[in-house]
């Protein structure tokens, strides 16, 4: 059985996004001396590496759990959620 449902929600409609005053501000002064602090680049580089490792591991696990069919397509027997964010 196949079913498809589509939902759309505009982030602009969310109450917290209507005014900049309601958005959270992060004070990272206890972690970094400033935006030019070498630790900022170090931490962002580490986050990039962690993301790459996570993606590679995830791809490996999905391929193992849902191997491609003879025609090269892969079927996923579960509901997926796709989110597209735009500014």
PDB file of N, CA and C in Angstrom:
ATOM      1  N   UNK A   1       0.843  -1.183   0.000  1.00  0.00           N
ATOM      2  CA  UNK A   1       0.000   0.000   0.000  1.00  0.00           C
ATOM      3  C   UNK A   1       0.878   1.232   0.000  1.00  0.00           C
ATOM      4  N   UNK A   2       0.520   2.186  -0.795  1.00  0.00           N
ATOM      5  CA  UNK A   2       1.275   3.432  -0.873  1.00  0.00           C
ATOM      6  C   UNK A   2       0.387   4.579  -0.431  1.00  0.00           C
ATOM      7  N   UNK A   3       0.935   5.430   0.390  1.00  0.00           N
ATOM      8  CA  UNK A   3       0.202   6.644   0.761  1.00  0.00           C
ATOM      9  C   UNK A   3       1.189   7.795   0.813  1.00  0.00           C
ATOM     10  N   UNK A   4       0.742   8.942   0.453  1.00  0.00           N
ATOM     11  CA  UNK A   4       1.592  10.127   0.490  1.00  0.00           C
ATOM     12  C   UNK A   4       0.821  11.247   1.152  1.00  0.00           C
ATOM     13  N   UNK A   5       1.480  11.886   2.070  1.00  0.00           N
ATOM     14  CA  UNK A   5       0.887  13.035   2.730  1.00  0.00           C
ATOM     15  C   UNK A   5       1.866  14.197   2.627  1.00  0.00           C
ATOM     16  N   UNK A   6       1.355  15.365   2.468  1.00  0.00           N
ATOM     17  CA  UNK A   6       2.217  16.530   2.351  1.00  0.00           C
ATOM     18  C   UNK A   6       1.744  17.598   3.327  1.00  0.00           C
ATOM     19  N   UNK A   7       2.684  18.145   4.054  1.00  0.00           N
ATOM     20  CA  UNK A   7       2.384  19.213   4.997  1.00  0.00           C
ATOM     21  C   UNK A   7       3.319  20.375   4.691  1.00  0.00           C
ATOM     22  N   UNK A   8       2.833  21.559   4.788  1.00  0.00           N
ATOM     23  CA  UNK A   8       3.676  22.737   4.577  1.00  0.00           C
ATOM     24  C   UNK A   8       3.480  23.682   5.746  1.00  0.00           C
ATOM     25  N   UNK A   9       4.566  24.230   6.227  1.00  0.00           N
ATOM     26  CA  UNK A   9       4.495  25.189   7.318  1.00  0.00           C
ATOM     27  C   UNK A   9       5.555  26.246   7.075  1.00  0.00           C
ATOM     28  N   UNK A  10       5.157  27.464   7.139  1.00  0.00           N
ATOM     29  CA  UNK A  10       6.101  28.553   6.958  1.00  0.00           C
ATOM     30  C   UNK A  10       6.686  28.938   8.303  1.00  0.00           C
ATOM     31  N   UNK A  11       8.012  28.961   8.376  1.00  0.00           N
ATOM     32  CA  UNK A  11       8.661  29.359   9.627  1.00  0.00           C
ATOM     33  C   UNK A  11       8.315  30.808   9.943  1.00  0.00           C
ATOM     34  N   UNK A  12       8.088  31.599   8.906  1.00  0.00           N
ATOM     35  CA  UNK A  12       7.739  33.003   9.124  1.00  0.00           C
ATOM     36  C   UNK A  12       6.444  33.136   9.914  1.00  0.00           C
ATOM     37  N   UNK A  13       5.604  32.098   9.867  1.00  0.00           N
ATOM     38  CA  UNK A  13       4.344  32.132  10.608  1.00  0.00           C
ATOM     39  C   UNK A  13       4.524  31.781  12.082  1.00  0.00           C
ATOM     40  N   UNK A  14       5.680  31.235  12.432  1.00  0.00           N
ATOM     41  CA  UNK A  14       5.917  30.845  13.822  1.00  0.00           C
ATOM     42  C   UNK A  14       6.024  32.099  14.680  1.00  0.00           C
ATOM     43  N   UNK A  15       5.380  32.119  15.841  1.00  0.00           N
ATOM     44  CA  UNK A  15       5.380  33.322  16.684  1.00  0.00           C
ATOM     45  C   UNK A  15       6.773  33.826  17.035  1.00  0.00           C
ATOM     46  N   UNK A  16       7.711  32.938  17.341  1.00  0.00           N
ATOM     47  CA  UNK A  16       9.043  33.379  17.762  1.00  0.00           C
ATOM     48  C   UNK A  16       9.816  34.026  16.628  1.00  0.00           C
ATOM     49  N   UNK A  17       9.463  33.765  15.392  1.00  0.00           N
ATOM     50  CA  UNK A  17      10.211  34.303  14.266  1.00  0.00           C
ATOM     51  C   UNK A  17       9.688  35.658  13.798  1.00  0.00           C
ATOM     52  N   UNK A  18       8.603  36.138  14.393  1.00  0.00           N
ATOM     53  CA  UNK A  18       8.018  37.390  13.924  1.00  0.00           C
ATOM     54  C   UNK A  18       8.830  38.614  14.312  1.00  0.00           C
ATOM     55  N   UNK A  19       9.534  38.559  15.419  1.00  0.00           N
ATOM     56  CA  UNK A  19      10.358  39.694  15.816  1.00  0.00           C
ATOM     57  C   UNK A  19      11.737  39.218  16.219  1.00  0.00           C
ATOM     58  N   UNK A  20      12.745  39.985  15.827  1.00  0.00           N
ATOM     59  CA  UNK A  20      14.129  39.615  16.145  1.00  0.00           C
ATOM     60  C   UNK A  20      14.363  39.610  17.654  1.00  0.00           C
ATOM     61  N   UNK A  21      13.612  40.397  18.404  1.00  0.00           N
ATOM     62  CA  UNK A  21      13.804  40.461  19.849  1.00  0.00           C
ATOM     63  C   UNK A  21      13.506  39.121  20.520  1.00  0.00           C
ATOM     64  N   UNK A  22      12.717  38.284  19.903  1.00  0.00           N
ATOM     65  CA  UNK A  22      12.320  37.031  20.520  1.00  0.00           C
ATOM     66  C   UNK A  22      13.275  35.890  20.198  1.00  0.00           C
ATOM     67  N   UNK A  23      14.226  36.125  19.295  1.00  0.00           N
ATOM     68  CA  UNK A  23      15.171  35.075  18.940  1.00  0.00           C
ATOM     69  C   UNK A  23      16.225  34.940  20.031  1.00  0.00           C
ATOM     70  N   UNK A  24      16.703  33.744  20.285  1.00  0.00           N
ATOM     71  CA  UNK A  24      17.708  33.557  21.332  1.00  0.00           C
ATOM     72  C   UNK A  24      19.066  34.124  20.905  1.00  0.00           C
ATOM     73  N   UNK A  25      19.807  34.565  21.870  1.00  0.00           N
ATOM     74  CA  UNK A  25      21.174  35.015  21.641  1.00  0.00           C
ATOM     75  C   UNK A  25      22.082  34.111  22.441  1.00  0.00           C
ATOM     76  N   UNK A  26      23.125  33.627  21.810  1.00  0.00           N
ATOM     77  CA  UNK A  26      24.061  32.748  22.484  1.00  0.00           C
ATOM     78  C   UNK A  26      25.280  33.542  22.887  1.00  0.00           C
ATOM     79  N   UNK A  27      25.605  33.520  24.163  1.00  0.00           N
ATOM     80  CA  UNK A  27      26.809  34.169  24.665  1.00  0.00           C
ATOM     81  C   UNK A  27      27.867  33.081  24.822  1.00  0.00           C
ATOM     82  N   UNK A  28      28.844  33.088  23.937  1.00  0.00           N
ATOM     83  CA  UNK A  28      29.894  32.076  23.946  1.00  0.00           C
ATOM     84  C   UNK A  28      31.193  32.611  24.535  1.00  0.00           C
ATOM     85  N   UNK A  29      31.094  33.709  25.281  1.00  0.00           N
ATOM     86  CA  UNK A  29      32.280  34.342  25.848  1.00  0.00           C
ATOM     87  C   UNK A  29      33.027  33.422  26.807  1.00  0.00           C
ATOM     88  N   UNK A  30      32.332  32.488  27.428  1.00  0.00           N
ATOM     89  CA  UNK A  30      33.021  31.558  28.326  1.00  0.00           C
ATOM     90  C   UNK A  30      33.782  30.478  27.561  1.00  0.00           C
ATOM     91  N   UNK A  31      33.539  30.371  26.245  1.00  0.00           N
ATOM     92  CA  UNK A  31      34.228  29.382  25.419  1.00  0.00           C
ATOM     93  C   UNK A  31      35.301  29.993  24.525  1.00  0.00           C
ATOM     94  N   UNK A  32      35.051  31.209  24.038  1.00  0.00           N
ATOM     95  CA  UNK A  32      35.950  31.835  23.080  1.00  0.00           C
ATOM     96  C   UNK A  32      36.228  33.287  23.464  1.00  0.00           C
ATOM     97  N   UNK A  33      37.463  33.716  23.165  1.00  0.00           N
ATOM     98  CA  UNK A  33      37.836  35.111  23.438  1.00  0.00           C
ATOM     99  C   UNK A  33      37.173  36.058  22.452  1.00  0.00           C
ATOM    100  N   UNK A  34      36.860  35.566  21.279  1.00  0.00           N
ATOM    101  CA  UNK A  34      36.216  36.364  20.238  1.00  0.00           C
ATOM    102  C   UNK A  34      36.066  35.513  18.992  1.00  0.00           C
ATOM    103  N   UNK A  35      35.490  36.104  17.944  1.00  0.00           N
ATOM    104  CA  UNK A  35      35.251  35.353  16.721  1.00  0.00           C
ATOM    105  C   UNK A  35      36.558  34.953  16.040  1.00  0.00           C
ATOM    106  N   UNK A  36      37.642  35.698  16.309  1.00  0.00           N
ATOM    107  CA  UNK A  36      38.943  35.387  15.716  1.00  0.00           C
ATOM    108  C   UNK A  36      39.747  34.396  16.551  1.00  0.00           C
ATOM    109  N   UNK A  37      39.205  33.952  17.661  1.00  0.00           N
ATOM    110  CA  UNK A  37      39.881  32.977  18.516  1.00  0.00           C
ATOM    111  C   UNK A  37      40.144  31.705  17.707  1.00  0.00           C
ATOM    112  N   UNK A  38      41.377  31.191  17.685  1.00  0.00           N
ATOM    113  CA  UNK A  38      41.681  29.973  16.935  1.00  0.00           C
ATOM    114  C   UNK A  38      40.821  28.776  17.370  1.00  0.00           C
ATOM    115  N   UNK A  39      40.328  28.800  18.577  1.00  0.00           N
ATOM    116  CA  UNK A  39      39.490  27.709  19.064  1.00  0.00           C
ATOM    117  C   UNK A  39      38.164  27.634  18.297  1.00  0.00           C
ATOM    118  N   UNK A  40      37.694  28.765  17.768  1.00  0.00           N
ATOM    119  CA  UNK A  40      36.453  28.756  16.982  1.00  0.00           C
ATOM    120  C   UNK A  40      36.658  27.907  15.735  1.00  0.00           C
ATOM    121  N   UNK A  41      37.745  28.183  15.000  1.00  0.00           N
ATOM    122  CA  UNK A  41      38.034  27.407  13.791  1.00  0.00           C
ATOM    123  C   UNK A  41      38.278  25.939  14.141  1.00  0.00           C
ATOM    124  N   UNK A  42      39.008  25.692  15.211  1.00  0.00           N
ATOM    125  CA  UNK A  42      39.281  24.317  15.629  1.00  0.00           C
ATOM    126  C   UNK A  42      37.978  23.566  15.880  1.00  0.00           C
ATOM    127  N   UNK A  43      37.070  24.196  16.614  1.00  0.00           N
ATOM    128  CA  UNK A  43      35.809  23.533  16.954  1.00  0.00           C
ATOM    129  C   UNK A  43      34.913  23.351  15.730  1.00  0.00           C
ATOM    130  N   UNK A  44      34.891  24.335  14.825  1.00  0.00           N
ATOM    131  CA  UNK A  44      34.093  24.202  13.608  1.00  0.00           C
ATOM    132  C   UNK A  44      34.672  23.116  12.700  1.00  0.00           C
ATOM    133  N   UNK A  45      36.002  23.043  12.631  1.00  0.00           N
ATOM    134  CA  UNK A  45      36.635  21.980  11.841  1.00  0.00           C
ATOM    135  C   UNK A  45      36.314  20.610  12.421  1.00  0.00           C
ATOM    136  N   UNK A  46      36.331  20.518  13.734  1.00  0.00           N
ATOM    137  CA  UNK A  46      35.993  19.239  14.369  1.00  0.00           C
ATOM    138  C   UNK A  46      34.534  18.864  14.102  1.00  0.00           C
ATOM    139  N   UNK A  47      33.650  19.856  14.171  1.00  0.00           N
ATOM    140  CA  UNK A  47      32.232  19.601  13.887  1.00  0.00           C
ATOM    141  C   UNK A  47      32.059  19.137  12.448  1.00  0.00           C
ATOM    142  N   UNK A  48      32.794  19.745  11.510  1.00  0.00           N
ATOM    143  CA  UNK A  48      32.744  19.306  10.110  1.00  0.00           C
ATOM    144  C   UNK A  48      33.184  17.852   9.978  1.00  0.00           C
ATOM    145  N   UNK A  49      34.279  17.508  10.643  1.00  0.00           N
ATOM    146  CA  UNK A  49      34.781  16.128  10.592  1.00  0.00           C
ATOM    147  C   UNK A  49      33.777  15.165  11.209  1.00  0.00           C
ATOM    148  N   UNK A  50      33.186  15.555  12.340  1.00  0.00           N
ATOM    149  CA  UNK A  50      32.181  14.705  12.988  1.00  0.00           C
ATOM    150  C   UNK A  50      30.972  14.499  12.081  1.00  0.00           C
ATOM    151  N   UNK A  51      30.553  15.560  11.386  1.00  0.00           N
ATOM    152  CA  UNK A  51      29.409  15.452  10.464  1.00  0.00           C
ATOM    153  C   UNK A  51      29.730  14.491   9.329  1.00  0.00           C
ATOM    154  N   UNK A  52      30.926  14.600   8.782  1.00  0.00           N
ATOM    155  CA  UNK A  52      31.327  13.703   7.705  1.00  0.00           C
ATOM    156  C   UNK A  52      31.362  12.258   8.158  1.00  0.00           C
ATOM    157  N   UNK A  53      31.890  12.028   9.352  1.00  0.00           N
ATOM    158  CA  UNK A  53      31.954  10.664   9.895  1.00  0.00           C
ATOM    159  C   UNK A  53      30.546  10.121  10.146  1.00  0.00           C
ATOM    160  N   UNK A  54      29.662  10.963  10.670  1.00  0.00           N
ATOM    161  CA  UNK A  54      28.280  10.547  10.918  1.00  0.00           C
ATOM    162  C   UNK A  54      27.596  10.176   9.607  1.00  0.00           C
ATOM    163  N   UNK A  55      27.759  11.020   8.591  1.00  0.00           N
ATOM    164  CA  UNK A  55      27.128  10.753   7.300  1.00  0.00           C
ATOM    165  C   UNK A  55      27.634   9.446   6.693  1.00  0.00           C
ATOM    166  N   UNK A  56      28.939   9.221   6.759  1.00  0.00           N
ATOM    167  CA  UNK A  56      29.507   7.991   6.204  1.00  0.00           C
ATOM    168  C   UNK A  56      28.972   6.764   6.945  1.00  0.00           C
ATOM    169  N   UNK A  57      28.907   6.835   8.259  1.00  0.00           N
ATOM    170  CA  UNK A  57      28.390   5.721   9.051  1.00  0.00           C
ATOM    171  C   UNK A  57      26.909   5.484   8.763  1.00  0.00           C
ATOM    172  N   UNK A  58      26.152   6.565   8.651  1.00  0.00           N
ATOM    173  CA  UNK A  58      24.724   6.459   8.369  1.00  0.00           C
ATOM    174  C   UNK A  58      24.491   5.816   6.999  1.00  0.00           C
ATOM    175  N   UNK A  59      25.235   6.279   5.999  1.00  0.00           N
ATOM    176  CA  UNK A  59      25.097   5.719   4.654  1.00  0.00           C
ATOM    177  C   UNK A  59      25.409   4.219   4.661  1.00  0.00           C
ATOM    178  N   UNK A  60      26.470   3.833   5.373  1.00  0.00           N
ATOM    179  CA  UNK A  60      26.852   2.427   5.455  1.00  0.00           C
ATOM    180  C   UNK A  60      25.732   1.605   6.088  1.00  0.00           C
ATOM    181  N   UNK A  61      25.152   2.110   7.166  1.00  0.00           N
ATOM    182  CA  UNK A  61      24.085   1.386   7.857  1.00  0.00           C
ATOM    183  C   UNK A  61      22.816   1.283   7.019  1.00  0.00           C
ATOM    184  N   UNK A  62      22.463   2.364   6.325  1.00  0.00           N
ATOM    185  CA  UNK A  62      21.273   2.324   5.477  1.00  0.00           C
ATOM    186  C   UNK A  62      21.477   1.340   4.333  1.00  0.00           C
ATOM    187  N   UNK A  63      22.663   1.360   3.729  1.00  0.00           N
ATOM    188  CA  UNK A  63      22.939   0.429   2.642  1.00  0.00           C
ATOM    189  C   UNK A  63      22.875  -1.019   3.121  1.00  0.00           C
ATOM    190  N   UNK A  64      23.367  -1.279   4.333  1.00  0.00           N
ATOM    191  CA  UNK A  64      23.320  -2.634   4.883  1.00  0.00           C
ATOM    192  C   UNK A  64      21.881  -3.053   5.185  1.00  0.00           C
ATOM    193  N   UNK A  65      21.082  -2.129   5.706  1.00  0.00           N
ATOM    194  CA  UNK A  65      19.705  -2.453   6.085  1.00  0.00           C
ATOM    195  C   UNK A  65      18.760  -2.492   4.888  1.00  0.00           C
ATOM    196  N   UNK A  66      19.031  -1.683   3.870  1.00  0.00           N
ATOM    197  CA  UNK A  66      18.161  -1.586   2.701  1.00  0.00           C
ATOM    198  C   UNK A  66      19.008  -1.656   1.429  1.00  0.00           C
ATOM    199  N   UNK A  67      19.485  -2.847   1.079  1.00  0.00           N
ATOM    200  CA  UNK A  67      20.340  -2.970  -0.111  1.00  0.00           C
ATOM    201  C   UNK A  67      19.574  -2.619  -1.385  1.00  0.00           C
ATOM    202  N   UNK A  68      20.291  -2.100  -2.369  1.00  0.00           N
ATOM    203  CA  UNK A  68      19.645  -1.756  -3.638  1.00  0.00           C
ATOM    204  C   UNK A  68      19.044  -2.994  -4.301  1.00  0.00           C
ATOM    205  N   UNK A  69      17.938  -2.786  -5.001  1.00  0.00           N
ATOM    206  CA  UNK A  69      17.306  -3.863  -5.762  1.00  0.00           C
ATOM    207  C   UNK A  69      18.094  -4.091  -7.041  1.00  0.00           C
ATOM    208  N   UNK A  70      17.708  -5.087  -7.801  1.00  0.00           N
ATOM    209  CA  UNK A  70      18.405  -5.434  -9.040  1.00  0.00           C
ATOM    210  C   UNK A  70      18.483  -4.258 -10.015  1.00  0.00           C
ATOM    211  N   UNK A  71      17.446  -3.396 -10.004  1.00  0.00           N
ATOM    212  CA  UNK A  71      17.447  -2.255 -10.931  1.00  0.00           C
ATOM    213  C   UNK A  71      18.204  -1.043 -10.372  1.00  0.00           C
ATOM    214  N   UNK A  72      18.799  -1.200  -9.176  1.00  0.00           N
ATOM    215  CA  UNK A  72      19.594  -0.121  -8.585  1.00  0.00           C
ATOM    216  C   UNK A  72      18.823   0.803  -7.663  1.00  0.00           C
ATOM    217  N   UNK A  73      17.500   0.674  -7.619  1.00  0.00           N
ATOM    218  CA  UNK A  73      16.710   1.521  -6.728  1.00  0.00           C
ATOM    219  C   UNK A  73      16.660   0.910  -5.335  1.00  0.00           C
ATOM    220  N   UNK A  74      16.384   1.749  -4.371  1.00  0.00           N
ATOM    221  CA  UNK A  74      16.256   1.300  -2.983  1.00  0.00           C
ATOM    222  C   UNK A  74      14.884   1.714  -2.479  1.00  0.00           C
ATOM    223  N   UNK A  75      14.172   0.759  -1.917  1.00  0.00           N
ATOM    224  CA  UNK A  75      12.863   1.043  -1.350  1.00  0.00           C
ATOM    225  C   UNK A  75      12.981   1.097   0.173  1.00  0.00           C
ATOM    226  N   UNK A  76      12.377   2.109   0.748  1.00  0.00           N
ATOM    227  CA  UNK A  76      12.367   2.258   2.200  1.00  0.00           C
ATOM    228  C   UNK A  76      10.934   2.053   2.687  1.00  0.00           C
ATOM    229  N   UNK A  77      10.681   0.994   3.466  1.00  0.00           N
ATOM    230  CA  UNK A  77       9.312   0.665   3.869  1.00  0.00           C
ATOM    231  C   UNK A  77       8.838   1.434   5.103  1.00  0.00           C
ATOM    232  N   UNK A  78       9.185   2.702   5.190  1.00  0.00           N
ATOM    233  CA  UNK A  78       8.761   3.492   6.336  1.00  0.00           C
ATOM    234  C   UNK A  78       8.486   4.912   5.877  1.00  0.00           C
ATOM    235  N   UNK A  79       7.739   5.637   6.671  1.00  0.00           N
ATOM    236  CA  UNK A  79       7.416   7.018   6.369  1.00  0.00           C
ATOM    237  C   UNK A  79       8.646   7.887   6.542  1.00  0.00           C
ATOM    238  N   UNK A  80       8.884   8.750   5.589  1.00  0.00           N
ATOM    239  CA  UNK A  80       9.989   9.686   5.669  1.00  0.00           C
ATOM    240  C   UNK A  80       9.471  11.097   5.854  1.00  0.00           C
ATOM    241  N   UNK A  81      10.281  11.906   6.497  1.00  0.00           N
ATOM    242  CA  UNK A  81       9.938  13.307   6.711  1.00  0.00           C
ATOM    243  C   UNK A  81      10.979  14.140   5.994  1.00  0.00           C
ATOM    244  N   UNK A  82      10.539  14.959   5.069  1.00  0.00           N
ATOM    245  CA  UNK A  82      11.452  15.830   4.334  1.00  0.00           C
ATOM    246  C   UNK A  82      11.198  17.263   4.767  1.00  0.00           C
ATOM    247  N   UNK A  83      12.253  17.954   5.135  1.00  0.00           N
ATOM    248  CA  UNK A  83      12.128  19.336   5.585  1.00  0.00           C
ATOM    249  C   UNK A  83      13.007  20.201   4.687  1.00  0.00           C
ATOM    250  N   UNK A  84      12.426  21.252   4.175  1.00  0.00           N
ATOM    251  CA  UNK A  84      13.174  22.200   3.360  1.00  0.00           C
ATOM    252  C   UNK A  84      13.091  23.544   4.056  1.00  0.00           C
ATOM    253  N   UNK A  85      14.228  24.107   4.354  1.00  0.00           N
ATOM    254  CA  UNK A  85      14.260  25.407   5.012  1.00  0.00           C
ATOM    255  C   UNK A  85      14.823  26.442   4.061  1.00  0.00           C
ATOM    256  N   UNK A  86      14.182  27.573   3.993  1.00  0.00           N
ATOM    257  CA  UNK A  86      14.655  28.679   3.160  1.00  0.00           C
ATOM    258  C   UNK A  86      14.636  29.949   3.983  1.00  0.00           C
ATOM    259  N   UNK A  87      15.498  30.844   3.622  1.00  0.00           N
ATOM    260  CA  UNK A  87      15.553  32.112   4.355  1.00  0.00           C
ATOM    261  C   UNK A  87      14.893  33.189   3.543  1.00  0.00           C
TER     262      UNK A  87
END
